[in-house]
C-alpha atoms as a PDB file:
ATOM      1  CA  UNK A   1     236.160  -3.634  -4.129  1.00  0.00           C
ATOM      2  CA  UNK A   2     238.185  -4.049  -7.315  1.00  0.00           C
ATOM      3  CA  UNK A   3     239.161  -7.622  -6.418  1.00  0.00           C
ATOM      4  CA  UNK A   4     235.535  -8.561  -5.733  1.00  0.00           C
ATOM      5  CA  UNK A   5     234.292  -6.942  -8.940  1.00  0.00           C
ATOM      6  CA  UNK A   6     236.967  -8.733 -10.946  1.00  0.00           C
ATOM      7  CA  UNK A   7     236.038 -12.108  -9.436  1.00  0.00           C
ATOM      8  CA  UNK A   8     232.305 -11.730 -10.094  1.00  0.00           C
ATOM      9  CA  UNK A   9     232.609 -10.448 -13.661  1.00  0.00           C
ATOM     10  CA  UNK A  10     235.386 -12.894 -14.601  1.00  0.00           C
ATOM     11  CA  UNK A  11     233.093 -15.672 -13.359  1.00  0.00           C
ATOM     12  CA  UNK A  12     230.187 -14.223 -15.363  1.00  0.00           C
ATOM     13  CA  UNK A  13     232.206 -14.130 -18.597  1.00  0.00           C
ATOM     14  CA  UNK A  14     233.586 -17.629 -17.961  1.00  0.00           C
ATOM     15  CA  UNK A  15     230.080 -18.934 -17.239  1.00  0.00           C
ATOM     16  CA  UNK A  16     228.533 -17.252 -20.289  1.00  0.00           C
ATOM     17  CA  UNK A  17     231.163 -18.830 -22.549  1.00  0.00           C
ATOM     18  CA  UNK A  18     230.201 -22.267 -21.196  1.00  0.00           C
ATOM     19  CA  UNK A  19     226.542 -21.874 -20.188  1.00  0.00           C
ATOM     20  CA  UNK A  20     225.083 -20.443 -23.401  1.00  0.00           C
ATOM     21  CA  UNK A  21     226.537 -23.155 -25.698  1.00  0.00           C
ATOM     22  CA  UNK A  22     225.525 -25.856 -23.197  1.00  0.00           C
ATOM     23  CA  UNK A  23     221.988 -24.432 -23.096  1.00  0.00           C
ATOM     24  CA  UNK A  24     221.791 -24.375 -26.897  1.00  0.00           C
ATOM     25  CA  UNK A  25     223.038 -27.975 -27.071  1.00  0.00           C
ATOM     26  CA  UNK A  26     220.427 -29.099 -24.528  1.00  0.00           C
ATOM     27  CA  UNK A  27     217.687 -27.244 -26.441  1.00  0.00           C
ATOM     28  CA  UNK A  28     218.618 -28.640 -29.849  1.00  0.00           C
ATOM     29  CA  UNK A  29     220.000 -32.136 -29.279  1.00  0.00           C
ATOM     30  CA  UNK A  30     218.460 -35.177 -27.603  1.00  0.00           C
ATOM     31  CA  UNK A  31     221.900 -36.627 -26.950  1.00  0.00           C
ATOM     32  CA  UNK A  32     223.103 -33.295 -25.502  1.00  0.00           C
ATOM     33  CA  UNK A  33     219.999 -33.082 -23.330  1.00  0.00           C
ATOM     34  CA  UNK A  34     220.504 -36.646 -22.109  1.00  0.00           C
ATOM     35  CA  UNK A  35     224.129 -36.013 -21.133  1.00  0.00           C
ATOM     36  CA  UNK A  36     224.222 -32.372 -20.013  1.00  0.00           C
ATOM     37  CA  UNK A  37     220.795 -31.772 -18.477  1.00  0.00           C
ATOM     38  CA  UNK A  38     221.326 -34.240 -15.576  1.00  0.00           C
ATOM     39  CA  UNK A  39     224.688 -32.581 -14.822  1.00  0.00           C
ATOM     40  CA  UNK A  40     223.100 -29.126 -14.674  1.00  0.00           C
ATOM     41  CA  UNK A  41     220.256 -30.438 -12.497  1.00  0.00           C
ATOM     42  CA  UNK A  42     222.846 -32.056 -10.209  1.00  0.00           C
ATOM     43  CA  UNK A  43     224.818 -28.808  -9.801  1.00  0.00           C
ATOM     44  CA  UNK A  44     221.804 -26.477  -9.518  1.00  0.00           C
ATOM     45  CA  UNK A  45     220.645 -27.247  -5.947  1.00  0.00           C
ATOM     46  CA  UNK A  46     224.138 -27.564  -4.436  1.00  0.00           C
ATOM     47  CA  UNK A  47     225.065 -24.710  -2.098  1.00  0.00           C
ATOM     48  CA  UNK A  48     228.483 -23.179  -2.874  1.00  0.00           C
ATOM     49  CA  UNK A  49     229.771 -23.895   0.640  1.00  0.00           C
ATOM     50  CA  UNK A  50     229.287 -27.616  -0.060  1.00  0.00           C
ATOM     51  CA  UNK A  51     231.703 -27.751  -3.001  1.00  0.00           C
ATOM     52  CA  UNK A  52     234.023 -24.921  -1.949  1.00  0.00           C
ATOM     53  CA  UNK A  53     236.386 -27.220   0.030  1.00  0.00           C
ATOM     54  CA  UNK A  54     236.587 -29.630  -2.914  1.00  0.00           C
ATOM     55  CA  UNK A  55     237.451 -26.805  -5.341  1.00  0.00           C
ATOM     56  CA  UNK A  56     240.174 -25.589  -2.965  1.00  0.00           C
ATOM     57  CA  UNK A  57     241.638 -29.121  -2.723  1.00  0.00           C
ATOM     58  CA  UNK A  58     241.669 -29.478  -6.523  1.00  0.00           C
ATOM     59  CA  UNK A  59     242.566 -25.909  -7.588  1.00  0.00           C
ATOM     60  CA  UNK A  60     244.380 -24.431  -4.587  1.00  0.00           C
ATOM     61  CA  UNK A  61     243.561 -21.215  -2.779  1.00  0.00           C
ATOM     62  CA  UNK A  62     244.376 -18.785  -5.600  1.00  0.00           C
ATOM     63  CA  UNK A  63     242.119 -16.671  -7.785  1.00  0.00           C
ATOM     64  CA  UNK A  64     241.064 -19.516 -10.140  1.00  0.00           C
ATOM     65  CA  UNK A  65     239.365 -21.404  -7.305  1.00  0.00           C
ATOM     66  CA  UNK A  66     237.386 -18.338  -6.218  1.00  0.00           C
ATOM     67  CA  UNK A  67     236.300 -17.541  -9.787  1.00  0.00           C
ATOM     68  CA  UNK A  68     235.399 -21.201 -10.346  1.00  0.00           C
ATOM     69  CA  UNK A  69     233.216 -21.387  -7.225  1.00  0.00           C
ATOM     70  CA  UNK A  70     231.358 -18.223  -8.245  1.00  0.00           C
ATOM     71  CA  UNK A  71     231.081 -19.498 -11.838  1.00  0.00           C
ATOM     72  CA  UNK A  72     229.572 -22.825 -10.765  1.00  0.00           C
ATOM     73  CA  UNK A  73     226.953 -20.936  -8.747  1.00  0.00           C
ATOM     74  CA  UNK A  74     226.125 -18.872 -11.864  1.00  0.00           C
ATOM     75  CA  UNK A  75     226.040 -21.773 -14.322  1.00  0.00           C
ATOM     76  CA  UNK A  76     222.573 -23.263 -13.783  1.00  0.00           C
ATOM     77  CA  UNK A  77     220.548 -20.026 -14.198  1.00  0.00           C
ATOM     78  CA  UNK A  78     222.330 -19.226 -17.461  1.00  0.00           C
ATOM     79  CA  UNK A  79     221.957 -22.735 -18.901  1.00  0.00           C
ATOM     80  CA  UNK A  80     218.296 -23.070 -17.897  1.00  0.00           C
ATOM     81  CA  UNK A  81     217.361 -19.623 -19.226  1.00  0.00           C
ATOM     82  CA  UNK A  82     219.187 -20.321 -22.509  1.00  0.00           C
ATOM     83  CA  UNK A  83     217.315 -23.606 -22.948  1.00  0.00           C
ATOM     84  CA  UNK A  84     214.001 -21.894 -22.216  1.00  0.00           C
ATOM     85  CA  UNK A  85     214.741 -19.031 -24.606  1.00  0.00           C
ATOM     86  CA  UNK A  86     215.958 -21.254 -27.446  1.00  0.00           C
ATOM     87  CA  UNK A  87     212.765 -23.281 -27.220  1.00  0.00           C
ATOM     88  CA  UNK A  88     210.787 -20.022 -27.459  1.00  0.00           C
ATOM     89  CA  UNK A  89     211.714 -19.602 -31.138  1.00  0.00           C
ATOM     90  CA  UNK A  90     208.447 -19.856 -33.047  1.00  0.00           C
ATOM     91  CA  UNK A  91     207.784 -22.801 -35.309  1.00  0.00           C
ATOM     92  CA  UNK A  92     207.088 -20.416 -38.220  1.00  0.00           C
ATOM     93  CA  UNK A  93     210.535 -18.820 -37.838  1.00  0.00           C
ATOM     94  CA  UNK A  94     212.230 -22.212 -37.775  1.00  0.00           C
ATOM     95  CA  UNK A  95     210.291 -23.472 -40.815  1.00  0.00           C
ATOM     96  CA  UNK A  96     210.955 -20.267 -42.747  1.00  0.00           C
ATOM     97  CA  UNK A  97     214.701 -20.608 -42.106  1.00  0.00           C
ATOM     98  CA  UNK A  98     214.599 -24.264 -43.141  1.00  0.00           C
ATOM     99  CA  UNK A  99     212.671 -23.339 -46.310  1.00  0.00           C
ATOM    100  CA  UNK A 100     215.502 -20.971 -47.234  1.00  0.00           C
ATOM    101  CA  UNK A 101     217.996 -23.812 -46.777  1.00  0.00           C
ATOM    102  CA  UNK A 102     219.431 -22.917 -43.382  1.00  0.00           C
ATOM    103  CA  UNK A 103     221.807 -25.498 -41.957  1.00  0.00           C
ATOM    104  CA  UNK A 104     221.463 -26.667 -38.349  1.00  0.00           C
ATOM    105  CA  UNK A 105     224.253 -24.290 -37.255  1.00  0.00           C
ATOM    106  CA  UNK A 106     222.639 -21.361 -39.093  1.00  0.00           C
ATOM    107  CA  UNK A 107     219.284 -22.232 -37.553  1.00  0.00           C
ATOM    108  CA  UNK A 108     220.783 -22.098 -34.066  1.00  0.00           C
ATOM    109  CA  UNK A 109     222.832 -18.946 -34.736  1.00  0.00           C
ATOM    110  CA  UNK A 110     220.261 -16.947 -36.735  1.00  0.00           C
ATOM    111  CA  UNK A 111     216.925 -18.048 -35.245  1.00  0.00           C
ATOM    112  CA  UNK A 112     217.267 -19.739 -31.860  1.00  0.00           C
ATOM    113  CA  UNK A 113     220.032 -17.593 -30.340  1.00  0.00           C
ATOM    114  CA  UNK A 114     218.269 -14.274 -31.112  1.00  0.00           C
ATOM    115  CA  UNK A 115     215.018 -15.748 -29.724  1.00  0.00           C
ATOM    116  CA  UNK A 116     216.903 -16.812 -26.591  1.00  0.00           C
ATOM    117  CA  UNK A 117     218.568 -13.432 -25.920  1.00  0.00           C
ATOM    118  CA  UNK A 118     215.805 -12.012 -23.667  1.00  0.00           C
ATOM    119  CA  UNK A 119     215.872 -15.189 -21.556  1.00  0.00           C
ATOM    120  CA  UNK A 120     219.674 -15.171 -21.501  1.00  0.00           C
ATOM    121  CA  UNK A 121     219.645 -11.630 -20.106  1.00  0.00           C
ATOM    122  CA  UNK A 122     217.167 -12.731 -17.435  1.00  0.00           C
ATOM    123  CA  UNK A 123     219.446 -15.661 -16.617  1.00  0.00           C
ATOM    124  CA  UNK A 124     222.421 -13.292 -16.372  1.00  0.00           C
ATOM    125  CA  UNK A 125     220.535 -11.140 -13.881  1.00  0.00           C
ATOM    126  CA  UNK A 126     219.662 -14.170 -11.746  1.00  0.00           C
ATOM    127  CA  UNK A 127     223.233 -15.481 -12.089  1.00  0.00           C
ATOM    128  CA  UNK A 128     224.707 -12.169 -10.932  1.00  0.00           C
ATOM    129  CA  UNK A 129     222.578 -12.373  -7.782  1.00  0.00           C
ATOM    130  CA  UNK A 130     223.908 -15.869  -7.136  1.00  0.00           C
ATOM    131  CA  UNK A 131     227.431 -14.650  -7.922  1.00  0.00           C
ATOM    132  CA  UNK A 132     227.340 -11.815  -5.403  1.00  0.00           C
ATOM    133  CA  UNK A 133     225.984 -14.192  -2.766  1.00  0.00           C
ATOM    134  CA  UNK A 134     228.689 -16.756  -3.480  1.00  0.00           C
ATOM    135  CA  UNK A 135     231.423 -14.101  -3.564  1.00  0.00           C
ATOM    136  CA  UNK A 136     231.277 -13.652   0.181  1.00  0.00           C
ATOM    137  CA  UNK A 137     231.617 -17.410   0.758  1.00  0.00           C
ATOM    138  CA  UNK A 138     234.498 -17.649  -1.730  1.00  0.00           C
ATOM    139  CA  UNK A 139     236.357 -14.767  -0.092  1.00  0.00           C
ATOM    140  CA  UNK A 140     235.903 -16.138   3.419  1.00  0.00           C
ATOM    141  CA  UNK A 141     238.405 -18.888   2.639  1.00  0.00           C
ATOM    142  CA  UNK A 142     242.051 -17.972   2.093  1.00  0.00           C
ATOM    143  CA  UNK A 143     241.493 -14.518   0.608  1.00  0.00           C
ATOM    144  CA  UNK A 144     243.718 -11.563   1.367  1.00  0.00           C
ATOM    145  CA  UNK A 145     241.569  -8.927  -0.303  1.00  0.00           C
ATOM    146  CA  UNK A 146     237.991  -8.366  -1.384  1.00  0.00           C
ATOM    147  CA  UNK A 147     234.760  -7.340   0.277  1.00  0.00           C
ATOM    148  CA  UNK A 148     234.079 -10.783   1.769  1.00  0.00           C
ATOM    149  CA  UNK A 149     237.560 -10.819   3.267  1.00  0.00           C
ATOM    150  CA  UNK A 150     237.001  -7.319   4.655  1.00  0.00           C
ATOM    151  CA  UNK A 151     233.703  -8.399   6.260  1.00  0.00           C
ATOM    152  CA  UNK A 152     235.282 -11.507   7.781  1.00  0.00           C
ATOM    153  CA  UNK A 153     238.286  -9.601   9.147  1.00  0.00           C
ATOM    154  CA  UNK A 154     236.077  -6.906  10.620  1.00  0.00           C
ATOM    155  CA  UNK A 155     233.792  -9.528  12.210  1.00  0.00           C
ATOM    156  CA  UNK A 156     236.751 -11.218  13.931  1.00  0.00           C
ATOM    157  CA  UNK A 157     237.613  -7.949  15.665  1.00  0.00           C
ATOM    158  CA  UNK A 158     233.936  -7.011  16.251  1.00  0.00           C
ATOM    159  CA  UNK A 159     234.179  -3.906  14.053  1.00  0.00           C
ATOM    160  CA  UNK A 160     230.465  -3.653  13.324  1.00  0.00           C
ATOM    161  CA  UNK A 161     230.644  -0.498  11.216  1.00  0.00           C
ATOM    162  CA  UNK A 162     233.064  -2.163   8.743  1.00  0.00           C
ATOM    163  CA  UNK A 163     230.807  -5.218   8.498  1.00  0.00           C
ATOM    164  CA  UNK A 164     227.799  -3.008   7.758  1.00  0.00           C
ATOM    165  CA  UNK A 165     229.837  -0.947   5.282  1.00  0.00           C
ATOM    166  CA  UNK A 166     230.912  -4.137   3.475  1.00  0.00           C
ATOM    167  CA  UNK A 167     227.327  -5.365   3.282  1.00  0.00           C
ATOM    168  CA  UNK A 168     226.139  -2.004   1.941  1.00  0.00           C
ATOM    169  CA  UNK A 169     228.911  -1.879  -0.687  1.00  0.00           C
ATOM    170  CA  UNK A 170     228.094  -5.408  -1.892  1.00  0.00           C
ATOM    171  CA  UNK A 171     224.408  -4.466  -2.058  1.00  0.00           C
ATOM    172  CA  UNK A 172     225.205  -1.274  -3.975  1.00  0.00           C
ATOM    173  CA  UNK A 173     227.461  -3.112  -6.447  1.00  0.00           C
ATOM    174  CA  UNK A 174     224.840  -5.813  -7.003  1.00  0.00           C
ATOM    175  CA  UNK A 175     222.187  -3.147  -7.619  1.00  0.00           C
ATOM    176  CA  UNK A 176     224.436  -1.243 -10.040  1.00  0.00           C
ATOM    177  CA  UNK A 177     225.272  -4.415 -11.973  1.00  0.00           C
ATOM    178  CA  UNK A 178     221.549  -5.203 -12.195  1.00  0.00           C
ATOM    179  CA  UNK A 179     220.812  -1.704 -13.520  1.00  0.00           C
ATOM    180  CA  UNK A 180     223.670  -1.969 -16.025  1.00  0.00           C
ATOM    181  CA  UNK A 181     222.255  -5.249 -17.342  1.00  0.00           C
ATOM    182  CA  UNK A 182     218.779  -3.734 -17.649  1.00  0.00           C
ATOM    183  CA  UNK A 183     220.149  -0.752 -19.579  1.00  0.00           C
ATOM    184  CA  UNK A 184     222.145  -3.055 -21.856  1.00  0.00           C
ATOM    185  CA  UNK A 185     219.043  -5.154 -22.439  1.00  0.00           C
ATOM    186  CA  UNK A 186     216.993  -2.071 -23.350  1.00  0.00           C
ATOM    187  CA  UNK A 187     219.757  -0.810 -25.639  1.00  0.00           C
ATOM    188  CA  UNK A 188     220.402  -4.017 -27.562  1.00  0.00           C
ATOM    189  CA  UNK A 189     216.997  -5.751 -27.318  1.00  0.00           C
ATOM    190  CA  UNK A 190     214.495  -2.899 -27.825  1.00  0.00           C
ATOM    191  CA  UNK A 191     211.792  -5.270 -29.102  1.00  0.00           C
ATOM    192  CA  UNK A 192     211.296  -6.972 -25.717  1.00  0.00           C
ATOM    193  CA  UNK A 193     207.778  -6.439 -24.405  1.00  0.00           C
ATOM    194  CA  UNK A 194     206.482  -5.138 -27.734  1.00  0.00           C
ATOM    195  CA  UNK A 195     204.196  -7.211 -29.896  1.00  0.00           C
END
């Protein structure tokens, strides 16, 4: 369980560090949108099992390849939700910041990023669902520990109770991570849903 949790949350952190800036660039720059948006739209519909063999060829069968596969599956929801949220900043907020002499970087950091936070949290919740789904696929190939590995090993020996237990644990962990994100959202973004 610890190995699976580490893989999913390492992928989430890795994806947030890349996905949020990419989303902000797409939302604020025509050049960025022209270059990065087609890449995100190319990656978004690909199933993880399609690129898993390629990642293993390039990165080997160690932990980085598993985290990378999960991270790629999480990337599109985070980027798309960041773009949507950054564009949700009201025109009056943007003009007020510009009237006070805000630079482009300050405008993104002080106006657009806070406006995007509710959407980013929604994207994180969607991304975690994709991450837990992809985890099982990532651990089916060349893993020696983790819940996906446990399910695969149990299935080979027809140990149905272990397969069901693995499925239930993954479901419970996904539900707990969803609840933790909702609580964090309520704690740090109390204005959501209030006019």
